[in-house]
Amino acid sequence: MILQYKNALNLLYGGKIGDILYDFAIELCEKSFKNKISPEIPIILTTAMSPYNRFAGWYSDKSHTIELARHYCYHGSDGIRARSIPEMLATLAHEFCHVYQYQVLGGRISARGPHRCKSWYQSITLASPFVCGVDIEGICIPSKSVREGEKVYKVNNPNSLTEVELTHFPDSIIKLAKADDRRLKGRLVGKPAV
């Protein structure tokens, strides 16, 4: 089965890109998610527009596929070729976090969407050490409740990563680590996998 999956990806993306994508997915599922999800999820190159603004891919829990938007590839004389393998790997990491969010954590999402909820924060916390080389455990609480008299307000948590940064995992975390962000001091655990 593994060889068939790799061969299909190699045919689609050319060269040994299928090997790179599949080997990355195996390592991600093993190191981050303790094999609670399978790396053998169909990865589809789609010409459809993303349901989200400017996003490069998405996970469909209904069809159990990861779909990559076509701008990742170009059509050469010898078939479809990838433009940027690191960008594809970052998108796969992001989408595999959604797979974990839906399959293992039950797909519980907030009314504000799949990137602004505890299940998303749990998924990326598990993946971040391998994918980004950063341990983000405990700093995925972008807002906190504050009481003023009888009223309770939500305020930004200055010690946490922001909702926007958490939404744009893994790229945002990798950029913050490279910029030596104060919230990530002492949290680097290795080299990013993407």
N, C-alpha and C. Protein backbone atom coordinates (compact mmCIF):
# COMPACT_ATOMS: atom_id res chain seq x y z
N MET A 1 0.83 -1.20 0.00
CA MET A 1 0.00 0.00 0.00
C MET A 1 0.87 1.26 0.00
N ILE A 2 1.92 1.27 0.82
CA ILE A 2 2.79 2.45 0.90
C ILE A 2 3.40 2.74 -0.47
N LEU A 3 3.91 1.71 -1.13
CA LEU A 3 4.54 1.90 -2.44
C LEU A 3 3.52 2.44 -3.45
N GLN A 4 2.29 1.94 -3.44
CA GLN A 4 1.26 2.43 -4.36
C GLN A 4 0.96 3.90 -4.08
N TYR A 5 0.89 4.26 -2.82
CA TYR A 5 0.60 5.65 -2.45
C TYR A 5 1.71 6.58 -2.91
N LYS A 6 2.96 6.19 -2.66
CA LYS A 6 4.11 7.00 -3.09
C LYS A 6 4.15 7.11 -4.61
N ASN A 7 3.92 6.01 -5.29
CA ASN A 7 3.94 6.02 -6.76
C ASN A 7 2.88 6.94 -7.32
N ALA A 8 1.69 6.94 -6.71
CA ALA A 8 0.62 7.83 -7.18
C ALA A 8 1.02 9.29 -6.99
N LEU A 9 1.62 9.63 -5.84
CA LEU A 9 2.07 10.99 -5.61
C LEU A 9 3.20 11.37 -6.56
N ASN A 10 4.11 10.44 -6.81
CA ASN A 10 5.21 10.72 -7.74
C ASN A 10 4.69 10.96 -9.14
N LEU A 11 3.68 10.21 -9.57
CA LEU A 11 3.09 10.42 -10.89
C LEU A 11 2.42 11.79 -10.97
N LEU A 12 1.74 12.17 -9.89
CA LEU A 12 1.03 13.44 -9.89
C LEU A 12 1.98 14.61 -9.88
N TYR A 13 2.96 14.59 -8.98
CA TYR A 13 3.82 15.75 -8.79
C TYR A 13 5.18 15.65 -9.48
N GLY A 14 5.51 14.49 -9.99
CA GLY A 14 6.76 14.33 -10.71
C GLY A 14 7.94 14.04 -9.80
N GLY A 15 9.00 13.49 -10.44
CA GLY A 15 10.24 13.23 -9.71
C GLY A 15 10.00 12.36 -8.49
N LYS A 16 10.61 12.75 -7.40
CA LYS A 16 10.47 12.02 -6.14
C LYS A 16 9.66 12.83 -5.13
N ILE A 17 8.85 13.76 -5.61
CA ILE A 17 8.09 14.61 -4.70
C ILE A 17 7.11 13.78 -3.88
N GLY A 18 6.54 12.74 -4.48
CA GLY A 18 5.65 11.85 -3.73
C GLY A 18 6.36 11.22 -2.55
N ASP A 19 7.61 10.81 -2.75
CA ASP A 19 8.40 10.24 -1.66
C ASP A 19 8.59 11.27 -0.54
N ILE A 20 8.90 12.50 -0.93
CA ILE A 20 9.14 13.56 0.05
C ILE A 20 7.86 13.84 0.84
N LEU A 21 6.73 13.99 0.15
CA LEU A 21 5.46 14.27 0.82
C LEU A 21 5.06 13.13 1.74
N TYR A 22 5.16 11.91 1.23
CA TYR A 22 4.72 10.77 2.04
C TYR A 22 5.65 10.54 3.23
N ASP A 23 6.96 10.64 3.01
CA ASP A 23 7.90 10.45 4.12
C ASP A 23 7.68 11.51 5.20
N PHE A 24 7.40 12.74 4.78
CA PHE A 24 7.10 13.80 5.74
C PHE A 24 5.83 13.47 6.52
N ALA A 25 4.79 13.01 5.81
CA ALA A 25 3.53 12.67 6.47
C ALA A 25 3.72 11.52 7.47
N ILE A 26 4.51 10.53 7.11
CA ILE A 26 4.78 9.41 8.03
C ILE A 26 5.45 9.93 9.29
N GLU A 27 6.48 10.75 9.11
CA GLU A 27 7.21 11.28 10.27
C GLU A 27 6.33 12.18 11.13
N LEU A 28 5.53 13.02 10.50
CA LEU A 28 4.61 13.90 11.23
C LEU A 28 3.61 13.09 12.05
N CYS A 29 3.00 12.10 11.42
CA CYS A 29 2.00 11.28 12.12
C CYS A 29 2.62 10.49 13.26
N GLU A 30 3.84 10.04 13.07
CA GLU A 30 4.53 9.27 14.10
C GLU A 30 5.02 10.16 15.24
N LYS A 31 5.76 11.21 14.92
CA LYS A 31 6.40 12.03 15.94
C LYS A 31 5.43 12.97 16.65
N SER A 32 4.49 13.52 15.92
CA SER A 32 3.57 14.49 16.52
C SER A 32 2.30 13.86 17.07
N PHE A 33 1.75 12.91 16.33
CA PHE A 33 0.43 12.39 16.66
C PHE A 33 0.46 10.94 17.12
N LYS A 34 1.64 10.40 17.36
CA LYS A 34 1.80 9.04 17.89
C LYS A 34 0.99 8.01 17.12
N ASN A 35 0.94 8.20 15.80
CA ASN A 35 0.25 7.30 14.86
C ASN A 35 -1.24 7.13 15.14
N LYS A 36 -1.85 8.13 15.76
CA LYS A 36 -3.30 8.08 15.98
C LYS A 36 -4.07 8.43 14.70
N ILE A 37 -3.37 8.98 13.71
CA ILE A 37 -3.94 9.21 12.38
C ILE A 37 -3.01 8.58 11.36
N SER A 38 -3.56 8.25 10.21
CA SER A 38 -2.78 7.60 9.16
C SER A 38 -2.23 8.64 8.18
N PRO A 39 -0.99 8.45 7.74
CA PRO A 39 -0.45 9.35 6.71
C PRO A 39 -1.03 9.09 5.32
N GLU A 40 -1.74 8.00 5.16
CA GLU A 40 -2.25 7.61 3.84
C GLU A 40 -3.62 8.23 3.57
N ILE A 41 -3.61 9.54 3.50
CA ILE A 41 -4.80 10.31 3.17
C ILE A 41 -4.64 10.79 1.73
N PRO A 42 -5.64 10.63 0.90
CA PRO A 42 -5.50 11.12 -0.48
C PRO A 42 -5.19 12.62 -0.50
N ILE A 43 -4.15 12.97 -1.23
CA ILE A 43 -3.75 14.36 -1.40
C ILE A 43 -4.09 14.72 -2.84
N ILE A 44 -5.01 15.64 -2.99
CA ILE A 44 -5.56 15.98 -4.30
C ILE A 44 -5.09 17.36 -4.72
N LEU A 45 -4.63 17.48 -5.93
CA LEU A 45 -4.34 18.78 -6.52
C LEU A 45 -5.62 19.25 -7.17
N THR A 46 -6.13 20.37 -6.73
CA THR A 46 -7.44 20.80 -7.21
C THR A 46 -7.35 22.14 -7.94
N THR A 47 -8.20 22.31 -8.90
CA THR A 47 -8.31 23.61 -9.56
C THR A 47 -9.41 24.43 -8.93
N ALA A 48 -10.09 23.85 -7.96
CA ALA A 48 -11.18 24.57 -7.28
C ALA A 48 -10.59 25.69 -6.43
N MET A 49 -11.41 26.68 -6.20
CA MET A 49 -10.99 27.76 -5.30
C MET A 49 -11.14 27.28 -3.87
N SER A 50 -10.26 27.75 -3.01
CA SER A 50 -10.33 27.40 -1.61
C SER A 50 -11.58 28.01 -0.98
N PRO A 51 -12.18 27.31 -0.02
CA PRO A 51 -13.32 27.91 0.67
C PRO A 51 -12.89 29.04 1.59
N TYR A 52 -11.61 29.19 1.79
CA TYR A 52 -11.06 30.23 2.66
C TYR A 52 -10.28 31.23 1.81
N ASN A 53 -10.10 32.40 2.30
CA ASN A 53 -9.36 33.42 1.57
C ASN A 53 -7.89 33.05 1.42
N ARG A 54 -7.40 33.01 0.20
CA ARG A 54 -6.00 32.85 -0.13
C ARG A 54 -5.34 31.59 0.44
N PHE A 55 -6.08 30.65 0.96
CA PHE A 55 -5.46 29.48 1.55
C PHE A 55 -4.98 28.54 0.46
N ALA A 56 -3.94 27.80 0.79
CA ALA A 56 -3.30 26.95 -0.19
C ALA A 56 -3.82 25.52 -0.17
N GLY A 57 -4.60 25.17 0.82
CA GLY A 57 -5.12 23.82 0.90
C GLY A 57 -6.16 23.73 1.98
N TRP A 58 -6.82 22.57 2.04
CA TRP A 58 -7.80 22.35 3.09
C TRP A 58 -8.03 20.85 3.24
N TYR A 59 -8.50 20.51 4.42
CA TYR A 59 -8.87 19.12 4.72
C TYR A 59 -10.38 19.01 4.66
N SER A 60 -10.86 18.02 3.93
CA SER A 60 -12.29 17.76 3.86
C SER A 60 -12.60 16.55 4.73
N ASP A 61 -13.30 16.78 5.83
CA ASP A 61 -13.64 15.66 6.70
C ASP A 61 -14.71 14.76 6.07
N LYS A 62 -15.45 15.29 5.11
CA LYS A 62 -16.48 14.48 4.44
C LYS A 62 -15.87 13.47 3.46
N SER A 63 -14.93 13.92 2.65
CA SER A 63 -14.29 13.02 1.69
C SER A 63 -12.98 12.45 2.21
N HIS A 64 -12.56 12.91 3.37
CA HIS A 64 -11.29 12.49 3.99
C HIS A 64 -10.13 12.64 3.00
N THR A 65 -10.01 13.86 2.48
CA THR A 65 -8.92 14.19 1.56
C THR A 65 -8.28 15.50 1.99
N ILE A 66 -7.03 15.64 1.61
CA ILE A 66 -6.34 16.92 1.73
C ILE A 66 -6.24 17.45 0.30
N GLU A 67 -6.72 18.66 0.11
CA GLU A 67 -6.71 19.24 -1.23
C GLU A 67 -5.73 20.41 -1.25
N LEU A 68 -4.82 20.38 -2.21
CA LEU A 68 -3.86 21.45 -2.39
C LEU A 68 -4.30 22.30 -3.57
N ALA A 69 -4.32 23.59 -3.39
CA ALA A 69 -4.70 24.50 -4.48
C ALA A 69 -3.66 24.45 -5.58
N ARG A 70 -4.12 24.63 -6.78
CA ARG A 70 -3.27 24.43 -7.96
C ARG A 70 -2.07 25.37 -8.06
N HIS A 71 -2.08 26.51 -7.35
CA HIS A 71 -0.95 27.43 -7.50
C HIS A 71 0.35 26.86 -6.95
N TYR A 72 0.28 25.70 -6.26
CA TYR A 72 1.50 25.04 -5.81
C TYR A 72 2.28 24.40 -6.95
N CYS A 73 1.60 24.21 -8.06
CA CYS A 73 2.21 23.47 -9.16
C CYS A 73 2.11 24.23 -10.46
N TYR A 74 2.89 23.80 -11.40
CA TYR A 74 2.80 24.31 -12.75
C TYR A 74 2.83 23.13 -13.70
N HIS A 75 2.37 23.34 -14.90
CA HIS A 75 2.34 22.27 -15.88
C HIS A 75 3.50 22.46 -16.84
N GLY A 76 4.48 21.58 -16.75
CA GLY A 76 5.64 21.63 -17.63
C GLY A 76 5.47 20.66 -18.78
N SER A 77 6.47 20.60 -19.64
CA SER A 77 6.40 19.70 -20.80
C SER A 77 6.37 18.23 -20.37
N ASP A 78 6.87 17.96 -19.16
CA ASP A 78 6.88 16.58 -18.68
C ASP A 78 5.82 16.34 -17.60
N GLY A 79 4.80 17.19 -17.54
CA GLY A 79 3.70 16.98 -16.60
C GLY A 79 3.63 18.04 -15.51
N ILE A 80 2.88 17.74 -14.48
CA ILE A 80 2.69 18.67 -13.36
C ILE A 80 3.92 18.62 -12.47
N ARG A 81 4.41 19.80 -12.07
CA ARG A 81 5.58 19.89 -11.21
C ARG A 81 5.30 20.84 -10.06
N ALA A 82 5.90 20.56 -8.91
CA ALA A 82 5.72 21.41 -7.73
C ALA A 82 6.56 22.68 -7.85
N ARG A 83 6.02 23.79 -7.37
CA ARG A 83 6.76 25.05 -7.34
C ARG A 83 7.67 25.12 -6.11
N SER A 84 7.13 24.77 -4.95
CA SER A 84 7.89 24.90 -3.70
C SER A 84 7.56 23.75 -2.76
N ILE A 85 8.50 22.86 -2.60
CA ILE A 85 8.29 21.73 -1.71
C ILE A 85 8.13 22.20 -0.26
N PRO A 86 8.95 23.15 0.24
CA PRO A 86 8.73 23.60 1.63
C PRO A 86 7.33 24.16 1.86
N GLU A 87 6.79 24.89 0.90
CA GLU A 87 5.43 25.41 1.05
C GLU A 87 4.41 24.27 1.07
N MET A 88 4.62 23.26 0.24
CA MET A 88 3.72 22.11 0.23
C MET A 88 3.77 21.38 1.57
N LEU A 89 4.98 21.23 2.12
CA LEU A 89 5.13 20.54 3.41
C LEU A 89 4.46 21.33 4.53
N ALA A 90 4.61 22.66 4.51
CA ALA A 90 3.97 23.50 5.53
C ALA A 90 2.45 23.37 5.44
N THR A 91 1.92 23.35 4.22
CA THR A 91 0.48 23.20 4.06
C THR A 91 0.03 21.82 4.51
N LEU A 92 0.80 20.79 4.17
CA LEU A 92 0.45 19.45 4.63
C LEU A 92 0.44 19.37 6.15
N ALA A 93 1.44 19.97 6.79
CA ALA A 93 1.48 19.97 8.26
C ALA A 93 0.22 20.62 8.82
N HIS A 94 -0.16 21.76 8.26
CA HIS A 94 -1.35 22.47 8.70
C HIS A 94 -2.59 21.58 8.54
N GLU A 95 -2.71 20.96 7.38
CA GLU A 95 -3.90 20.15 7.10
C GLU A 95 -3.93 18.86 7.90
N PHE A 96 -2.77 18.26 8.17
CA PHE A 96 -2.74 17.07 9.01
C PHE A 96 -3.14 17.41 10.44
N CYS A 97 -2.90 18.64 10.88
CA CYS A 97 -3.40 19.07 12.19
C CYS A 97 -4.93 19.08 12.19
N HIS A 98 -5.53 19.46 11.06
CA HIS A 98 -6.99 19.38 10.96
C HIS A 98 -7.47 17.93 10.97
N VAL A 99 -6.72 17.05 10.32
CA VAL A 99 -7.07 15.63 10.35
C VAL A 99 -7.12 15.15 11.81
N TYR A 100 -6.09 15.48 12.56
CA TYR A 100 -6.04 15.08 13.98
C TYR A 100 -7.19 15.73 14.74
N GLN A 101 -7.43 17.00 14.47
CA GLN A 101 -8.51 17.74 15.13
C GLN A 101 -9.85 17.04 14.92
N TYR A 102 -10.11 16.57 13.71
CA TYR A 102 -11.40 15.95 13.41
C TYR A 102 -11.44 14.48 13.81
N GLN A 103 -10.39 13.73 13.50
CA GLN A 103 -10.45 12.28 13.73
C GLN A 103 -10.21 11.88 15.18
N VAL A 104 -9.30 12.55 15.86
CA VAL A 104 -8.95 12.15 17.22
C VAL A 104 -9.68 12.99 18.25
N LEU A 105 -9.77 14.28 18.02
CA LEU A 105 -10.38 15.18 18.99
C LEU A 105 -11.87 15.40 18.74
N GLY A 106 -12.41 14.71 17.75
CA GLY A 106 -13.85 14.74 17.52
C GLY A 106 -14.37 15.89 16.70
N GLY A 107 -13.49 16.70 16.13
CA GLY A 107 -13.93 17.78 15.26
C GLY A 107 -14.69 18.88 15.97
N ARG A 108 -14.52 18.98 17.27
CA ARG A 108 -15.21 20.03 18.01
C ARG A 108 -14.56 21.37 17.69
N ILE A 109 -15.33 22.24 17.08
CA ILE A 109 -14.81 23.56 16.74
C ILE A 109 -15.75 24.62 17.29
N SER A 110 -15.21 25.79 17.46
CA SER A 110 -16.02 26.88 18.00
C SER A 110 -16.88 27.48 16.90
N ALA A 111 -17.81 28.31 17.29
CA ALA A 111 -18.66 29.00 16.32
C ALA A 111 -17.83 29.94 15.45
N ARG A 112 -16.63 30.26 15.90
CA ARG A 112 -15.75 31.17 15.16
C ARG A 112 -14.85 30.44 14.17
N GLY A 113 -15.01 29.14 14.03
CA GLY A 113 -14.28 28.40 13.02
C GLY A 113 -13.27 27.41 13.58
N PRO A 114 -12.68 26.60 12.68
CA PRO A 114 -11.79 25.52 13.11
C PRO A 114 -10.41 25.97 13.59
N HIS A 115 -10.05 27.23 13.39
CA HIS A 115 -8.73 27.71 13.81
C HIS A 115 -8.77 28.49 15.12
N ARG A 116 -9.94 28.68 15.67
CA ARG A 116 -10.07 29.49 16.89
C ARG A 116 -10.77 28.70 17.97
N CYS A 117 -10.20 27.52 18.26
CA CYS A 117 -10.81 26.65 19.26
C CYS A 117 -9.76 25.77 19.92
N LYS A 118 -10.12 25.20 21.03
CA LYS A 118 -9.18 24.38 21.81
C LYS A 118 -8.66 23.19 21.02
N SER A 119 -9.51 22.57 20.20
CA SER A 119 -9.04 21.39 19.46
C SER A 119 -7.95 21.76 18.45
N TRP A 120 -8.05 22.94 17.84
CA TRP A 120 -7.00 23.39 16.93
C TRP A 120 -5.71 23.66 17.71
N TYR A 121 -5.83 24.33 18.84
CA TYR A 121 -4.66 24.64 19.66
C TYR A 121 -3.99 23.36 20.16
N GLN A 122 -4.79 22.35 20.50
CA GLN A 122 -4.22 21.07 20.93
C GLN A 122 -3.46 20.40 19.79
N SER A 123 -4.03 20.42 18.60
CA SER A 123 -3.41 19.77 17.44
C SER A 123 -2.08 20.43 17.09
N ILE A 124 -2.05 21.76 17.02
CA ILE A 124 -0.80 22.42 16.62
C ILE A 124 0.24 22.38 17.73
N THR A 125 -0.21 22.28 18.97
CA THR A 125 0.75 22.14 20.07
C THR A 125 1.50 20.82 19.94
N LEU A 126 0.81 19.77 19.54
CA LEU A 126 1.46 18.47 19.33
C LEU A 126 2.42 18.50 18.14
N ALA A 127 2.03 19.19 17.08
CA ALA A 127 2.83 19.19 15.85
C ALA A 127 4.00 20.17 15.88
N SER A 128 3.89 21.23 16.64
CA SER A 128 4.88 22.30 16.59
C SER A 128 6.33 21.89 16.88
N PRO A 129 6.60 21.03 17.87
CA PRO A 129 8.01 20.67 18.08
C PRO A 129 8.66 20.04 16.85
N PHE A 130 7.95 19.15 16.17
CA PHE A 130 8.51 18.52 14.97
C PHE A 130 8.49 19.48 13.78
N VAL A 131 7.35 20.10 13.53
CA VAL A 131 7.19 20.92 12.32
C VAL A 131 7.97 22.23 12.41
N CYS A 132 7.88 22.92 13.55
CA CYS A 132 8.47 24.27 13.70
C CYS A 132 9.76 24.28 14.51
N GLY A 133 10.02 23.19 15.23
CA GLY A 133 11.19 23.19 16.12
C GLY A 133 10.98 24.01 17.37
N VAL A 134 9.70 24.21 17.74
CA VAL A 134 9.35 25.06 18.88
C VAL A 134 8.25 24.37 19.70
N ASP A 135 8.41 24.39 21.02
CA ASP A 135 7.38 23.87 21.92
C ASP A 135 6.46 25.03 22.29
N ILE A 136 5.21 24.97 21.87
CA ILE A 136 4.27 26.06 22.15
C ILE A 136 3.26 25.70 23.23
N GLU A 137 3.50 24.62 23.94
CA GLU A 137 2.56 24.21 24.99
C GLU A 137 2.42 25.33 26.03
N GLY A 138 1.18 25.65 26.36
CA GLY A 138 0.90 26.65 27.38
C GLY A 138 0.83 28.08 26.87
N ILE A 139 1.16 28.31 25.61
CA ILE A 139 1.08 29.68 25.08
C ILE A 139 0.08 29.78 23.92
N CYS A 140 -0.90 28.88 23.95
CA CYS A 140 -1.99 28.90 22.96
C CYS A 140 -3.29 29.30 23.65
N ILE A 141 -3.24 30.39 24.38
CA ILE A 141 -4.41 30.91 25.08
C ILE A 141 -4.49 32.40 24.75
N PRO A 142 -4.95 32.71 23.52
CA PRO A 142 -4.86 34.09 23.04
C PRO A 142 -5.69 35.12 23.81
N SER A 143 -6.72 34.67 24.53
CA SER A 143 -7.48 35.64 25.33
C SER A 143 -7.74 35.05 26.70
N LYS A 144 -7.98 35.93 27.63
CA LYS A 144 -8.28 35.48 28.99
C LYS A 144 -9.42 36.33 29.53
N SER A 145 -10.09 35.79 30.52
CA SER A 145 -11.21 36.50 31.12
C SER A 145 -10.72 37.36 32.28
N VAL A 146 -11.25 38.57 32.33
CA VAL A 146 -10.92 39.51 33.39
C VAL A 146 -12.23 40.03 33.97
N ARG A 147 -12.31 40.04 35.27
CA ARG A 147 -13.53 40.52 35.94
C ARG A 147 -13.33 41.96 36.39
N GLU A 148 -14.31 42.79 36.07
CA GLU A 148 -14.36 44.17 36.56
C GLU A 148 -15.73 44.35 37.20
N GLY A 149 -15.75 44.28 38.51
CA GLY A 149 -17.03 44.37 39.22
C GLY A 149 -17.90 43.19 38.89
N GLU A 150 -19.05 43.44 38.34
CA GLU A 150 -20.02 42.39 38.00
C GLU A 150 -19.79 41.81 36.60
N LYS A 151 -18.99 42.48 35.79
CA LYS A 151 -18.85 42.07 34.39
C LYS A 151 -17.53 41.32 34.17
N VAL A 152 -17.58 40.38 33.21
CA VAL A 152 -16.41 39.62 32.79
C VAL A 152 -16.11 39.98 31.35
N TYR A 153 -14.87 40.33 31.09
CA TYR A 153 -14.43 40.71 29.75
C TYR A 153 -13.35 39.77 29.25
N LYS A 154 -13.32 39.58 27.94
CA LYS A 154 -12.21 38.86 27.31
C LYS A 154 -11.18 39.90 26.89
N VAL A 155 -9.92 39.66 27.24
CA VAL A 155 -8.83 40.55 26.84
C VAL A 155 -7.72 39.71 26.24
N ASN A 156 -6.90 40.34 25.42
CA ASN A 156 -5.77 39.64 24.82
C ASN A 156 -4.79 39.22 25.91
N ASN A 157 -4.26 38.03 25.77
CA ASN A 157 -3.27 37.50 26.70
C ASN A 157 -1.88 37.84 26.14
N PRO A 158 -1.14 38.76 26.75
CA PRO A 158 0.14 39.18 26.19
C PRO A 158 1.23 38.11 26.22
N ASN A 159 1.03 37.05 26.99
CA ASN A 159 2.02 35.97 27.06
C ASN A 159 1.74 34.84 26.09
N SER A 160 0.64 34.95 25.36
CA SER A 160 0.23 33.90 24.42
C SER A 160 0.52 34.32 22.99
N LEU A 161 0.54 33.33 22.14
CA LEU A 161 0.50 33.62 20.71
C LEU A 161 -0.89 34.15 20.39
N THR A 162 -1.01 34.98 19.39
CA THR A 162 -2.30 35.57 19.04
C THR A 162 -3.13 34.59 18.22
N GLU A 163 -4.43 34.87 18.10
CA GLU A 163 -5.30 34.04 17.27
C GLU A 163 -4.80 33.99 15.83
N VAL A 164 -4.36 35.11 15.31
CA VAL A 164 -3.87 35.15 13.93
C VAL A 164 -2.63 34.27 13.79
N GLU A 165 -1.71 34.37 14.74
CA GLU A 165 -0.48 33.54 14.68
C GLU A 165 -0.82 32.06 14.77
N LEU A 166 -1.76 31.71 15.62
CA LEU A 166 -2.16 30.31 15.78
C LEU A 166 -2.90 29.80 14.54
N THR A 167 -3.68 30.66 13.91
CA THR A 167 -4.41 30.31 12.70
C THR A 167 -3.46 29.98 11.56
N HIS A 168 -2.36 30.71 11.47
CA HIS A 168 -1.44 30.57 10.34
C HIS A 168 -0.29 29.62 10.63
N PHE A 169 -0.51 28.68 11.53
CA PHE A 169 0.46 27.62 11.79
C PHE A 169 0.71 26.84 10.50
N PRO A 170 1.94 26.45 10.19
CA PRO A 170 3.19 26.59 10.93
C PRO A 170 4.02 27.81 10.56
N ASP A 171 3.66 28.45 9.43
CA ASP A 171 4.49 29.55 8.93
C ASP A 171 4.70 30.65 9.98
N SER A 172 3.63 31.02 10.68
CA SER A 172 3.74 32.11 11.65
C SER A 172 4.68 31.74 12.80
N ILE A 173 4.64 30.52 13.27
CA ILE A 173 5.47 30.08 14.39
C ILE A 173 6.94 30.06 13.96
N ILE A 174 7.19 29.56 12.76
CA ILE A 174 8.57 29.51 12.25
C ILE A 174 9.12 30.93 12.11
N LYS A 175 8.31 31.86 11.59
CA LYS A 175 8.76 33.25 11.45
C LYS A 175 9.03 33.88 12.81
N LEU A 176 8.19 33.61 13.79
CA LEU A 176 8.40 34.16 15.14
C LEU A 176 9.69 33.62 15.75
N ALA A 177 9.95 32.33 15.54
CA ALA A 177 11.18 31.73 16.07
C ALA A 177 12.41 32.37 15.41
N LYS A 178 12.35 32.57 14.10
CA LYS A 178 13.48 33.21 13.40
C LYS A 178 13.68 34.65 13.85
N ALA A 179 12.58 35.32 14.23
CA ALA A 179 12.65 36.71 14.68
C ALA A 179 12.99 36.81 16.17
N ASP A 180 13.20 35.66 16.81
CA ASP A 180 13.57 35.62 18.23
C ASP A 180 12.50 36.27 19.11
N ASP A 181 11.23 35.96 18.83
CA ASP A 181 10.11 36.52 19.58
C ASP A 181 10.23 36.17 21.06
N ARG A 182 9.96 37.13 21.92
CA ARG A 182 10.13 36.95 23.38
C ARG A 182 9.27 35.82 23.94
N ARG A 183 8.10 35.57 23.33
CA ARG A 183 7.22 34.51 23.83
C ARG A 183 7.78 33.12 23.59
N LEU A 184 8.75 33.01 22.69
CA LEU A 184 9.33 31.70 22.37
C LEU A 184 10.70 31.49 23.02
N LYS A 185 11.11 32.39 23.88
CA LYS A 185 12.40 32.26 24.58
C LYS A 185 12.43 30.94 25.34
N GLY A 186 13.49 30.19 25.15
CA GLY A 186 13.66 28.92 25.84
C GLY A 186 12.78 27.79 25.34
N ARG A 187 12.08 27.99 24.23
CA ARG A 187 11.14 27.00 23.71
C ARG A 187 11.63 26.29 22.45
N LEU A 188 12.79 26.68 21.93
CA LEU A 188 13.30 26.01 20.74
C LEU A 188 13.75 24.61 21.10
N VAL A 189 13.30 23.63 20.32
CA VAL A 189 13.62 22.23 20.62
C VAL A 189 14.33 21.51 19.49
N GLY A 190 14.57 22.19 18.40
CA GLY A 190 15.23 21.56 17.27
C GLY A 190 15.03 22.34 16.00
N LYS A 191 15.48 21.72 14.91
CA LYS A 191 15.35 22.35 13.59
C LYS A 191 13.95 22.07 13.03
N PRO A 192 13.32 23.10 12.42
CA PRO A 192 12.01 22.87 11.82
C PRO A 192 12.08 21.82 10.70
N ALA A 193 11.04 21.01 10.59
CA ALA A 193 10.98 19.98 9.55
C ALA A 193 10.56 20.56 8.21
N VAL A 194 10.02 21.80 8.20
CA VAL A 194 9.62 22.41 6.93
C VAL A 194 10.47 23.62 6.63
